[in-house]
Amino acid sequence: MTVGEEGKNAARRDPAPASGRAVGRDPRRWVILAAVCVALMVIVVDNTVLHVALPTIEDDLGAGPAQLQATVNSYVVVFAGLLVAAGLITDRYGRRRAVVIGLGILVLTSVVAACAPSAPWLIGARTVMGVGAALVMPGTLAILVHTFDAEERVKAFAVWSAVGSAAMAAGPLVGGVLVDRWGWPGIFVINAVLAALAIVLIVRLVPESRDRQHRAVDGAGAAAMTLAMGSFVAAIILAPDHGPLSPQVLGALCLTLLGAAVFGIRQRGAASPMIDTGLYRDRTFVGASAAVAVLAIGTGSVLFVLTQHLQHVKGYSPVEAGLAIVPLAAGVVLGSPIGARLPARIGARWAIVTGFLVTAAGFVVLALLTPTSGYALVATGLFLAGAGSGLASPAVHSTVLGAVPPDRAGMGSALNDTHQQLGIALGVAVLGSVVTTAYHRFADPELGVRPGTSLGNTLSGLSPDHGRLIDAAHTAFTRSQSLAMLICAAFALLGAAIAWRTLTRDHRAAPRE
C-alpha cells in the first residue's frame, strides 16, 4: 500500500471529531504549521543561542567547565526526562493547552535567567526552562499529525525539521549579535519575546485536539525518569574534575540506579503505563529511534566545542563566531527539501543512511582543524554536517511517528524527542568531558593545567607576552577538539549502521493503524 492510499484509509478510519482530527484537509493547515514552527523555534533557539555566549558567561559569572556543561544540560536533561509525561499530558488535556502553558513557563524563566547573578542561579533557571520546553515539544509534532493527512505529512515534517534545524544553526548568530549588543542576558530576553509571540499565534490559529482514551499521567514516574537521566549525565560531567571513582561520581551513579529502579517499578504496577513498551517491539520504531539518538550525541555537542575554538583559538568576537556557523544552517536549509523527497524515491532506510554518512564526513573535516587552519575548513565541515541532518531528518521523524497509532501521537512524538534530547545531553556531557580531559593531557606542563581547567581559564592567566605558551594552549585544545570530532563521526557512522540493519530495504514512512 502506498503512503497516499494508507493516509486516505487512515482518514476514513479515524473521522471522529473527538480526536481533534478534521475530516479532509484543513484549509488553514499551512498557517497552523507556521504557528507551530514559531513555537518550535523558541525551544530550539533557547538551547543553541546559548553556545556562543558560553565564553562570556564563563568570564562574567566565573563559571568553570563543569558549570558551563551544567548550564547547557540542565535544560536538556529536564526536557528529555519529562517529555514522555508531557506527551501524555498533551494527549489527555489538549495539545494546544499544553503548548501555551509551556510557552508561558518559558517566558517567565527566560526573564529570570536574564537576571541571574551567578552560575548556580542561571543553572536553576535553565532547569525550569526544561519543564516548559517539555510541554511544548510533543504538542508541536502531535498537532501536525492531527492537521495533515499522510500524503502531506512528510512535507510538513520536512518544514518542521528545516525550521528546527535552521533555528539550531542560526541560534549562535543571533546570540552573537545579542551578546555583542547587550551581553549574555540578551539571549534570554529575545527568547521571552519569541515565546510571547508564539502564545498569541497558537491561541489564535491552532484548534484543540486530545486523546480519546484519556490515559493517566504518572508524575512520580516522570520524576524518577528525570532523576535517572540527570544523575547519569551529572556523573559524566563530574568525572574529569573529581575522578571516575570519586564519591561525587559514585553518588550520582547510585541516584541513577535508584531513579531507574523506581521508574521500572511504577511502570510494572501501573494500570496505564507512561511508555507503551509495545512500540519497542517494532523493529522500525526502535531502529529509527536508536539511530537518531546515536547521531544526536555528535550533532548536539559540535557547537559546544566549536564555539570555544572560534572565540578562544581564532579570536572571533561573538558576532563573528555566530556568522562562522551560518554554513551549518545553509546545509540544513538546502538539504531538507531534498530529504523530504528522498523517502518516496529511495526509501527511508537509504535516506537516513545517506544523511548520516554526509554528517560523518562533516565531522571528519572538522577533525582536521589546527590553530592555523583557515575558515574554509570550518565552513566545509559545518555545511556537510548540516546537509546530512537536513537529508535524514524528514525520513527519521516520519518513520518513527509512522509506527505510532494516531491517538498516541503526543506520546510517540515525546519518545522521539526524548531519544534525541537524551543523545544531545549525553553528547555535551561525554564530548565536553573528553575535551576537558584530553586538554589536560595534551597541555604543555609549563601551562600548569589542572584537571577540569578550560582553555578560557588558561588564557585568562596569560599575558600577550606569553606567545609560546598561548600557542601551546591553542594546540592542546585543537588536538582535544579533533579527538572529539572523530568520536562524533564514529557516532554518526554507528547511527547509519543501525538504520541499515533495522529498517527494511524498501521501507516507506507510513502511519500505522
Protein backbone atom coordinates (compact mmCIF):
# COMPACT_ATOMS: atom_id res chain seq x y z
CA MET A 1 0.00 0.00 0.00
CA THR A 2 1.35 3.46 -0.88
CA VAL A 3 1.70 6.35 1.56
CA GLY A 4 -1.19 8.19 -0.08
CA GLU A 5 -3.53 5.19 -0.04
CA GLU A 6 -2.78 4.43 3.58
CA GLY A 7 -3.31 8.08 4.51
CA LYS A 8 -6.73 8.11 2.86
CA ASN A 9 -7.73 4.88 4.60
CA ALA A 10 -6.48 6.21 7.94
CA ALA A 11 -8.60 9.33 7.47
CA ARG A 12 -11.69 7.19 6.84
CA ARG A 13 -10.97 5.03 9.89
CA ASP A 14 -10.45 7.97 12.25
CA PRO A 15 -13.02 10.64 11.38
CA ALA A 16 -14.29 11.31 14.90
CA PRO A 17 -14.26 14.97 15.89
CA ALA A 18 -13.45 13.91 19.48
CA SER A 19 -9.93 13.04 18.39
CA GLY A 20 -9.33 16.53 17.15
CA ARG A 21 -8.77 15.43 13.54
CA ALA A 22 -10.87 17.09 10.89
CA VAL A 23 -12.38 15.11 8.06
CA GLY A 24 -10.50 16.06 4.91
CA ARG A 25 -7.74 18.63 4.70
CA ASP A 26 -7.88 21.66 6.98
CA PRO A 27 -7.73 24.75 4.73
CA ARG A 28 -5.68 26.52 7.43
CA ARG A 29 -3.16 23.69 7.78
CA TRP A 30 -0.17 25.59 6.38
CA VAL A 31 -0.89 28.60 8.60
CA ILE A 32 -1.15 26.23 11.56
CA LEU A 33 2.21 24.77 10.54
CA ALA A 34 3.71 28.28 10.60
CA ALA A 35 2.38 28.89 14.13
CA VAL A 36 3.72 25.54 15.32
CA CYS A 37 7.12 26.32 13.80
CA VAL A 38 7.34 29.58 15.77
CA ALA A 39 6.75 27.59 18.98
CA LEU A 40 9.40 25.10 17.88
CA MET A 41 11.88 27.91 17.20
CA VAL A 42 11.52 29.10 20.78
CA ILE A 43 12.69 25.86 22.38
CA VAL A 44 15.42 25.22 19.80
CA VAL A 45 16.83 28.75 19.95
CA ASP A 46 16.63 28.56 23.74
CA ASN A 47 19.31 25.89 23.61
CA THR A 48 21.57 26.77 20.67
CA VAL A 49 21.64 30.53 21.25
CA LEU A 50 23.48 29.76 24.48
CA HIS A 51 26.59 28.22 22.90
CA VAL A 52 28.12 31.39 21.52
CA ALA A 53 27.52 33.11 24.88
CA LEU A 54 29.34 30.47 26.95
CA PRO A 55 32.78 32.19 26.86
CA THR A 56 31.16 35.44 28.03
CA ILE A 57 29.21 33.66 30.77
CA GLU A 58 32.45 31.96 31.78
CA ASP A 59 34.12 35.37 32.22
CA ASP A 60 31.20 37.30 33.76
CA LEU A 61 29.97 34.65 36.22
CA GLY A 62 33.26 32.86 36.83
CA ALA A 63 31.84 29.55 35.61
CA GLY A 64 34.14 26.55 35.18
CA PRO A 65 33.84 23.80 32.52
CA ALA A 66 31.52 21.67 34.66
CA GLN A 67 29.19 24.63 35.30
CA LEU A 68 29.13 25.50 31.61
CA GLN A 69 28.18 21.92 30.77
CA ALA A 70 25.53 22.02 33.50
CA THR A 71 24.15 25.30 32.10
CA VAL A 72 23.54 23.56 28.78
CA ASN A 73 22.50 20.17 30.14
CA SER A 74 20.20 21.31 32.98
CA TYR A 75 17.76 22.38 30.28
CA VAL A 76 18.29 19.37 28.03
CA VAL A 77 18.10 16.71 30.77
CA VAL A 78 14.88 18.01 32.32
CA PHE A 79 13.49 18.46 28.82
CA ALA A 80 14.30 14.85 27.93
CA GLY A 81 13.24 13.40 31.28
CA LEU A 82 9.78 14.98 31.24
CA LEU A 83 8.98 14.56 27.55
CA VAL A 84 7.10 11.28 27.91
CA ALA A 85 4.96 12.58 30.77
CA ALA A 86 4.46 15.82 28.84
CA GLY A 87 3.37 13.80 25.81
CA LEU A 88 0.73 12.08 27.93
CA ILE A 89 -0.37 15.46 29.31
CA THR A 90 -0.76 16.84 25.79
CA ASP A 91 -2.74 13.77 24.73
CA ARG A 92 -5.05 13.91 27.74
CA TYR A 93 -5.57 17.62 28.41
CA GLY A 94 -5.11 19.04 24.92
CA ARG A 95 -2.14 19.74 22.68
CA ARG A 96 -2.81 23.45 22.26
CA ARG A 97 -3.32 23.98 26.00
CA ALA A 98 -0.06 22.21 26.87
CA VAL A 99 1.92 24.19 24.27
CA VAL A 100 0.54 27.52 25.55
CA ILE A 101 1.30 26.66 29.20
CA GLY A 102 4.81 25.53 28.26
CA LEU A 103 5.45 28.75 26.36
CA GLY A 104 4.24 30.75 29.36
CA ILE A 105 6.79 28.97 31.57
CA LEU A 106 9.49 29.79 29.03
CA VAL A 107 8.57 33.49 29.09
CA LEU A 108 8.87 33.70 32.87
CA THR A 109 12.04 31.62 33.25
CA SER A 110 13.78 33.48 30.42
CA VAL A 111 13.29 36.73 32.32
CA VAL A 112 14.63 35.09 35.49
CA ALA A 113 17.68 33.75 33.62
CA ALA A 114 18.43 37.19 32.18
CA CYS A 115 18.72 38.49 35.75
CA ALA A 116 20.96 35.66 37.01
CA PRO A 117 23.75 36.97 39.30
CA SER A 118 25.65 33.67 39.44
CA ALA A 119 26.16 30.39 37.58
CA PRO A 120 24.02 28.33 40.02
CA TRP A 121 21.14 30.81 39.57
CA LEU A 122 21.44 30.50 35.80
CA ILE A 123 21.56 26.70 36.01
CA GLY A 124 18.39 26.73 38.14
CA ALA A 125 16.54 28.94 35.68
CA ARG A 126 17.61 26.71 32.80
CA THR A 127 16.32 23.69 34.71
CA VAL A 128 12.81 25.15 34.96
CA MET A 129 13.01 26.18 31.29
CA GLY A 130 13.32 22.47 30.52
CA VAL A 131 9.87 21.92 32.06
CA GLY A 132 8.34 24.47 29.71
CA ALA A 133 10.14 23.07 26.68
CA ALA A 134 8.96 19.55 27.54
CA LEU A 135 5.34 20.73 27.43
CA VAL A 136 5.83 22.48 24.09
CA MET A 137 7.79 19.95 22.04
CA PRO A 138 5.41 16.91 21.92
CA GLY A 139 2.48 19.15 21.14
CA THR A 140 4.14 20.62 18.05
CA LEU A 141 4.51 17.27 16.28
CA ALA A 142 1.18 15.92 17.59
CA ILE A 143 -0.63 18.97 16.21
CA LEU A 144 0.90 18.30 12.80
CA VAL A 145 -0.10 14.61 12.91
CA HIS A 146 -3.72 15.65 13.51
CA THR A 147 -3.66 18.52 10.99
CA PHE A 148 -2.05 16.88 7.94
CA ASP A 149 -3.03 13.65 6.20
CA ALA A 150 -0.43 11.03 5.31
CA GLU A 151 0.16 12.41 1.80
CA GLU A 152 1.25 15.84 3.08
CA ARG A 153 2.68 14.80 6.44
CA VAL A 154 6.20 14.16 5.15
CA LYS A 155 6.23 17.65 3.60
CA ALA A 156 5.00 19.15 6.89
CA PHE A 157 7.67 17.25 8.83
CA ALA A 158 10.27 18.47 6.35
CA VAL A 159 9.28 22.09 7.01
CA TRP A 160 9.18 21.40 10.77
CA SER A 161 12.64 19.78 10.62
CA ALA A 162 14.08 22.55 8.44
CA VAL A 163 12.81 25.28 10.76
CA GLY A 164 14.07 23.46 13.84
CA SER A 165 17.45 22.68 12.37
CA ALA A 166 17.86 26.15 10.88
CA ALA A 167 16.94 27.70 14.23
CA MET A 168 19.51 25.41 15.87
CA ALA A 169 22.20 26.61 13.48
CA ALA A 170 21.10 30.27 13.38
CA GLY A 171 20.91 30.48 17.18
CA PRO A 172 24.64 31.20 17.58
CA LEU A 173 24.46 34.03 15.02
CA VAL A 174 21.51 35.62 16.82
CA GLY A 175 23.26 35.00 20.11
CA GLY A 176 26.46 36.61 18.89
CA VAL A 177 24.63 39.80 17.87
CA LEU A 178 22.78 39.93 21.19
CA VAL A 179 25.89 39.25 23.29
CA ASP A 180 27.82 41.98 21.48
CA ARG A 181 24.99 44.48 21.96
CA TRP A 182 23.51 43.62 25.38
CA GLY A 183 25.75 40.97 26.90
CA TRP A 184 24.71 37.38 27.55
CA PRO A 185 21.36 38.34 29.25
CA GLY A 186 20.15 39.48 25.83
CA ILE A 187 19.87 35.89 24.61
CA PHE A 188 17.19 35.21 27.22
CA VAL A 189 15.31 38.44 26.59
CA ILE A 190 14.85 37.58 22.90
CA ASN A 191 13.64 34.13 23.89
CA ALA A 192 10.95 35.64 26.13
CA VAL A 193 9.77 37.83 23.25
CA LEU A 194 9.61 34.89 20.83
CA ALA A 195 7.70 32.77 23.33
CA ALA A 196 5.15 35.54 23.90
CA LEU A 197 4.64 35.85 20.12
CA ALA A 198 4.20 32.09 19.80
CA ILE A 199 1.50 32.12 22.50
CA VAL A 200 -0.52 34.64 20.52
CA LEU A 201 -0.22 32.64 17.28
CA ILE A 202 -1.06 29.27 18.86
CA VAL A 203 -4.12 30.63 20.69
CA ARG A 204 -5.48 32.33 17.56
CA LEU A 205 -4.73 29.70 14.92
CA VAL A 206 -4.41 26.18 16.32
CA PRO A 207 -7.50 24.06 17.07
CA GLU A 208 -7.53 21.88 20.18
CA SER A 209 -7.03 18.09 19.95
CA ARG A 210 -6.67 15.33 22.53
CA ASP A 211 -6.55 11.56 23.03
CA ARG A 212 -10.00 9.96 23.26
CA GLN A 213 -8.78 7.35 25.77
CA HIS A 214 -7.66 9.86 28.47
CA ARG A 215 -4.67 7.92 29.76
CA ALA A 216 -3.34 8.68 33.26
CA VAL A 217 -0.18 10.70 33.88
CA ASP A 218 2.37 9.30 36.35
CA GLY A 219 4.11 12.30 37.88
CA ALA A 220 6.27 10.20 40.23
CA GLY A 221 7.38 8.02 37.34
CA ALA A 222 8.32 11.09 35.30
CA ALA A 223 10.31 12.49 38.24
CA ALA A 224 12.13 9.15 38.64
CA MET A 225 13.00 9.08 34.93
CA THR A 226 14.34 12.63 35.09
CA LEU A 227 16.38 11.79 38.20
CA ALA A 228 17.93 8.78 36.45
CA MET A 229 18.84 10.74 33.31
CA GLY A 230 20.10 13.80 35.16
CA SER A 231 22.22 11.81 37.60
CA PHE A 232 23.81 9.80 34.81
CA VAL A 233 24.72 12.93 32.85
CA ALA A 234 25.99 14.58 36.05
CA ALA A 235 28.28 11.59 36.70
CA ILE A 236 29.84 12.04 33.25
CA ILE A 237 30.32 15.78 33.77
CA LEU A 238 31.84 15.36 37.25
CA ALA A 239 34.27 12.59 36.30
CA PRO A 240 37.03 14.82 34.76
CA ASP A 241 37.12 17.10 37.83
CA HIS A 242 36.78 14.53 40.62
CA GLY A 243 37.78 11.18 39.10
CA PRO A 244 35.56 8.29 37.97
CA LEU A 245 35.64 6.62 41.41
CA SER A 246 35.12 9.78 43.48
CA PRO A 247 32.24 9.96 45.99
CA GLN A 248 30.51 12.58 43.82
CA VAL A 249 30.52 10.39 40.71
CA LEU A 250 29.60 7.21 42.57
CA GLY A 251 26.80 9.06 44.36
CA ALA A 252 25.41 10.29 41.04
CA LEU A 253 25.50 6.75 39.64
CA CYS A 254 23.66 5.45 42.72
CA LEU A 255 20.94 8.05 42.11
CA THR A 256 20.81 6.89 38.50
CA LEU A 257 20.14 3.31 39.58
CA LEU A 258 17.60 4.45 42.17
CA GLY A 259 15.67 6.56 39.66
CA ALA A 260 15.71 3.78 37.07
CA ALA A 261 14.51 1.23 39.66
CA VAL A 262 11.64 3.44 40.85
CA PHE A 263 10.58 4.13 37.28
CA GLY A 264 10.64 0.42 36.42
CA ILE A 265 8.58 -0.49 39.49
CA ARG A 266 5.96 2.15 38.75
CA GLN A 267 5.77 1.08 35.11
CA ARG A 268 5.10 -2.55 36.06
CA GLY A 269 2.47 -1.64 38.63
CA ALA A 270 0.63 1.00 36.59
CA ALA A 271 -2.75 0.25 35.06
CA SER A 272 -1.82 2.64 32.25
CA PRO A 273 2.00 2.78 31.92
CA MET A 274 3.65 6.02 30.78
CA ILE A 275 5.52 4.28 27.97
CA ASP A 276 3.90 1.91 25.52
CA THR A 277 6.60 -0.78 25.62
CA GLY A 278 4.93 -2.47 22.64
CA LEU A 279 6.49 0.21 20.44
CA TYR A 280 9.91 -1.15 21.36
CA ARG A 281 8.98 -4.45 19.80
CA ASP A 282 8.52 -2.65 16.49
CA ARG A 283 11.78 -3.01 14.56
CA THR A 284 11.15 0.15 12.55
CA PHE A 285 10.44 2.32 15.59
CA VAL A 286 13.42 1.01 17.54
CA GLY A 287 15.83 1.25 14.63
CA ALA A 288 14.99 4.81 13.66
CA SER A 289 14.86 5.96 17.31
CA ALA A 290 18.23 4.40 18.16
CA ALA A 291 19.82 5.82 15.02
CA VAL A 292 18.72 9.39 15.72
CA ALA A 293 19.74 9.14 19.41
CA VAL A 294 23.23 7.99 18.47
CA LEU A 295 23.59 10.71 15.84
CA ALA A 296 22.43 13.35 18.34
CA ILE A 297 25.39 12.53 20.58
CA GLY A 298 27.61 14.06 17.92
CA THR A 299 25.41 16.75 16.41
CA GLY A 300 24.23 18.02 19.78
CA SER A 301 27.74 18.74 21.05
CA VAL A 302 29.57 20.07 17.98
CA LEU A 303 28.64 23.71 18.64
CA PHE A 304 29.52 23.41 22.33
CA VAL A 305 33.09 22.57 21.34
CA LEU A 306 33.45 24.58 18.13
CA THR A 307 32.35 27.94 19.52
CA GLN A 308 35.25 27.75 22.01
CA HIS A 309 37.66 27.11 19.12
CA LEU A 310 36.31 30.07 17.15
CA GLN A 311 36.44 32.53 20.04
CA HIS A 312 39.41 31.37 22.10
CA VAL A 313 41.71 30.00 19.37
CA LYS A 314 40.78 32.07 16.32
CA GLY A 315 39.95 35.19 18.33
CA TYR A 316 36.50 35.74 16.81
CA SER A 317 34.03 38.05 18.51
CA PRO A 318 30.62 36.57 19.44
CA VAL A 319 29.10 38.03 16.25
CA GLU A 320 31.92 36.69 14.09
CA ALA A 321 31.60 33.27 15.73
CA GLY A 322 27.86 33.29 15.02
CA LEU A 323 28.46 34.23 11.39
CA ALA A 324 31.06 31.48 11.10
CA ILE A 325 28.41 28.88 11.97
CA VAL A 326 25.98 30.02 9.24
CA PRO A 327 27.12 27.22 6.83
CA LEU A 328 25.53 24.73 9.22
CA ALA A 329 22.16 26.44 8.74
CA ALA A 330 22.73 26.68 4.98
CA GLY A 331 23.38 22.95 4.81
CA VAL A 332 20.19 22.17 6.71
CA VAL A 333 18.04 24.51 4.62
CA LEU A 334 19.38 23.14 1.33
CA GLY A 335 19.31 19.51 2.48
CA SER A 336 15.80 19.43 3.97
CA PRO A 337 13.78 19.85 0.72
CA ILE A 338 15.82 17.06 -0.83
CA GLY A 339 15.34 14.97 2.31
CA ALA A 340 11.57 15.42 2.05
CA ARG A 341 11.57 13.76 -1.38
CA LEU A 342 14.12 11.03 -0.71
CA PRO A 343 11.87 8.56 1.20
CA ALA A 344 9.45 8.30 -1.73
CA ARG A 345 12.28 7.77 -4.21
CA ILE A 346 14.84 5.60 -2.44
CA GLY A 347 13.12 4.54 0.79
CA ALA A 348 13.53 5.78 4.34
CA ARG A 349 16.47 3.48 5.06
CA TRP A 350 18.63 4.87 2.25
CA ALA A 351 17.55 8.45 3.03
CA ILE A 352 18.61 8.11 6.67
CA VAL A 353 21.86 6.29 5.90
CA THR A 354 22.81 8.83 3.22
CA GLY A 355 22.20 11.75 5.56
CA PHE A 356 24.17 10.18 8.39
CA LEU A 357 27.14 9.43 6.11
CA VAL A 358 27.24 13.03 4.91
CA THR A 359 27.15 14.23 8.52
CA ALA A 360 30.02 11.88 9.42
CA ALA A 361 32.07 13.35 6.57
CA GLY A 362 31.48 16.82 8.00
CA PHE A 363 32.80 15.76 11.40
CA VAL A 364 35.90 14.23 9.80
CA VAL A 365 36.60 17.55 8.06
CA LEU A 366 36.23 19.42 11.38
CA ALA A 367 38.66 16.96 12.98
CA LEU A 368 41.35 18.30 10.62
CA LEU A 369 41.29 21.76 12.24
CA THR A 370 44.53 23.15 13.67
CA PRO A 371 45.24 26.55 15.28
CA THR A 372 46.35 27.89 11.89
CA SER A 373 43.55 26.38 9.76
CA GLY A 374 41.61 28.78 7.55
CA TYR A 375 37.89 29.36 7.79
CA ALA A 376 37.20 27.33 4.62
CA LEU A 377 37.77 24.11 6.56
CA VAL A 378 35.29 25.16 9.26
CA ALA A 379 32.68 26.17 6.67
CA THR A 380 33.05 22.92 4.70
CA GLY A 381 32.72 20.72 7.77
CA LEU A 382 29.70 22.60 9.11
CA PHE A 383 27.96 22.64 5.73
CA LEU A 384 28.33 18.87 5.35
CA ALA A 385 27.13 18.26 8.91
CA GLY A 386 24.07 20.46 8.31
CA ALA A 387 23.29 18.98 4.90
CA GLY A 388 23.40 15.46 6.32
CA SER A 389 20.96 16.44 9.06
CA GLY A 390 18.62 18.01 6.50
CA LEU A 391 18.72 14.91 4.30
CA ALA A 392 17.95 12.48 7.14
CA SER A 393 15.56 14.35 9.44
CA PRO A 394 12.28 14.11 7.43
CA ALA A 395 12.71 10.36 6.95
CA VAL A 396 13.61 9.81 10.61
CA HIS A 397 10.61 11.69 12.01
CA SER A 398 8.18 10.17 9.52
CA THR A 399 9.49 6.67 10.20
CA VAL A 400 9.27 6.96 13.98
CA LEU A 401 5.84 8.59 14.06
CA GLY A 402 4.57 6.30 11.29
CA ALA A 403 4.94 3.42 13.75
CA VAL A 404 2.73 5.14 16.36
CA PRO A 405 -1.12 5.00 16.35
CA PRO A 406 -2.63 8.47 15.71
CA ASP A 407 -4.32 8.62 19.12
CA ARG A 408 -0.89 8.22 20.77
CA ALA A 409 0.74 10.90 18.64
CA GLY A 410 1.70 13.00 21.68
CA MET A 411 3.34 10.05 23.42
CA GLY A 412 5.03 8.93 20.19
CA SER A 413 6.46 12.35 19.43
CA ALA A 414 7.56 12.63 23.07
CA LEU A 415 9.50 9.38 22.81
CA ASN A 416 11.05 10.55 19.55
CA ASP A 417 12.15 13.80 21.18
CA THR A 418 13.31 12.01 24.35
CA HIS A 419 15.70 9.81 22.39
CA GLN A 420 17.08 12.84 20.56
CA GLN A 421 17.38 15.11 23.60
CA LEU A 422 18.98 12.39 25.70
CA GLY A 423 21.52 11.95 22.91
CA ILE A 424 22.24 15.70 22.94
CA ALA A 425 22.66 15.73 26.73
CA LEU A 426 24.99 12.74 26.63
CA GLY A 427 26.88 14.35 23.74
CA VAL A 428 27.55 17.59 25.63
CA ALA A 429 28.50 15.61 28.75
CA VAL A 430 30.65 12.99 27.03
CA LEU A 431 32.31 15.19 24.41
CA GLY A 432 32.73 18.08 26.86
CA SER A 433 34.40 15.71 29.32
CA VAL A 434 36.58 14.24 26.55
CA VAL A 435 37.79 17.70 25.54
CA THR A 436 38.42 18.74 29.16
CA THR A 437 40.34 15.54 29.97
CA ALA A 438 42.30 15.50 26.71
CA TYR A 439 43.20 19.19 27.06
CA HIS A 440 44.72 18.44 30.46
CA ARG A 441 46.68 15.50 28.98
CA PHE A 442 47.90 17.36 25.87
CA ALA A 443 48.78 20.65 27.60
CA ASP A 444 52.41 21.72 27.99
CA PRO A 445 53.49 21.21 31.65
CA GLU A 446 54.55 24.87 31.82
CA LEU A 447 50.89 25.86 31.43
CA GLY A 448 50.07 24.24 34.78
CA VAL A 449 46.70 22.99 33.53
CA ARG A 450 44.81 21.26 36.36
CA PRO A 451 42.00 18.70 35.86
CA GLY A 452 38.78 20.49 34.97
CA THR A 453 40.55 23.60 33.62
CA SER A 454 39.25 25.05 30.36
CA LEU A 455 41.14 26.82 27.60
CA GLY A 456 39.43 30.05 28.64
CA ASN A 457 40.70 29.63 32.21
CA THR A 458 44.25 29.07 30.90
CA LEU A 459 44.24 32.07 28.55
CA SER A 460 42.88 34.39 31.23
CA GLY A 461 46.07 33.80 33.22
CA LEU A 462 48.43 34.59 30.31
CA SER A 463 49.52 37.98 29.01
CA PRO A 464 50.19 38.77 25.31
CA ASP A 465 53.90 38.42 26.10
CA HIS A 466 53.45 34.68 26.66
CA GLY A 467 53.19 33.95 22.95
CA ARG A 468 54.73 30.47 23.08
CA LEU A 469 52.50 29.35 25.96
CA ILE A 470 49.40 30.74 24.23
CA ASP A 471 50.29 28.78 21.09
CA ALA A 472 50.84 25.67 23.20
CA ALA A 473 47.41 26.08 24.82
CA HIS A 474 45.76 26.53 21.41
CA THR A 475 47.50 23.41 20.09
CA ALA A 476 46.45 21.32 23.11
CA PHE A 477 42.83 22.41 22.70
CA THR A 478 42.64 21.76 18.95
CA ARG A 479 44.12 18.28 19.46
CA SER A 480 41.41 17.66 22.05
CA GLN A 481 38.80 19.05 19.68
CA SER A 482 39.97 16.79 16.85
CA LEU A 483 39.58 13.75 19.10
CA ALA A 484 36.04 14.86 19.96
CA MET A 485 35.12 15.38 16.29
CA LEU A 486 36.37 11.92 15.37
CA ILE A 487 34.17 10.49 18.12
CA CYS A 488 31.24 12.48 16.66
CA ALA A 489 31.96 10.94 13.25
CA ALA A 490 32.04 7.47 14.80
CA PHE A 491 28.61 8.03 16.37
CA ALA A 492 27.20 9.21 13.01
CA LEU A 493 28.54 6.07 11.32
CA LEU A 494 27.08 3.93 14.09
CA GLY A 495 23.69 5.59 13.52
CA ALA A 496 23.93 4.80 9.79
CA ALA A 497 24.76 1.18 10.58
CA ILE A 498 21.80 0.88 12.96
CA ALA A 499 19.40 2.32 10.38
CA TRP A 500 20.78 0.00 7.67
CA ARG A 501 20.39 -3.09 9.85
CA THR A 502 16.97 -2.39 11.34
CA LEU A 503 14.92 -0.75 8.56
CA THR A 504 13.61 -2.88 5.73
CA ARG A 505 15.11 -2.41 2.29
CA ASP A 506 12.05 -0.85 0.65
CA HIS A 507 10.60 0.77 3.78
CA ARG A 508 8.42 3.83 3.21
CA ALA A 509 7.27 6.06 6.07
CA ALA A 510 3.57 5.37 6.58
CA PRO A 511 1.21 5.71 9.53
CA ARG A 512 0.29 2.62 11.46
CA GLU A 513 -3.33 1.74 12.14
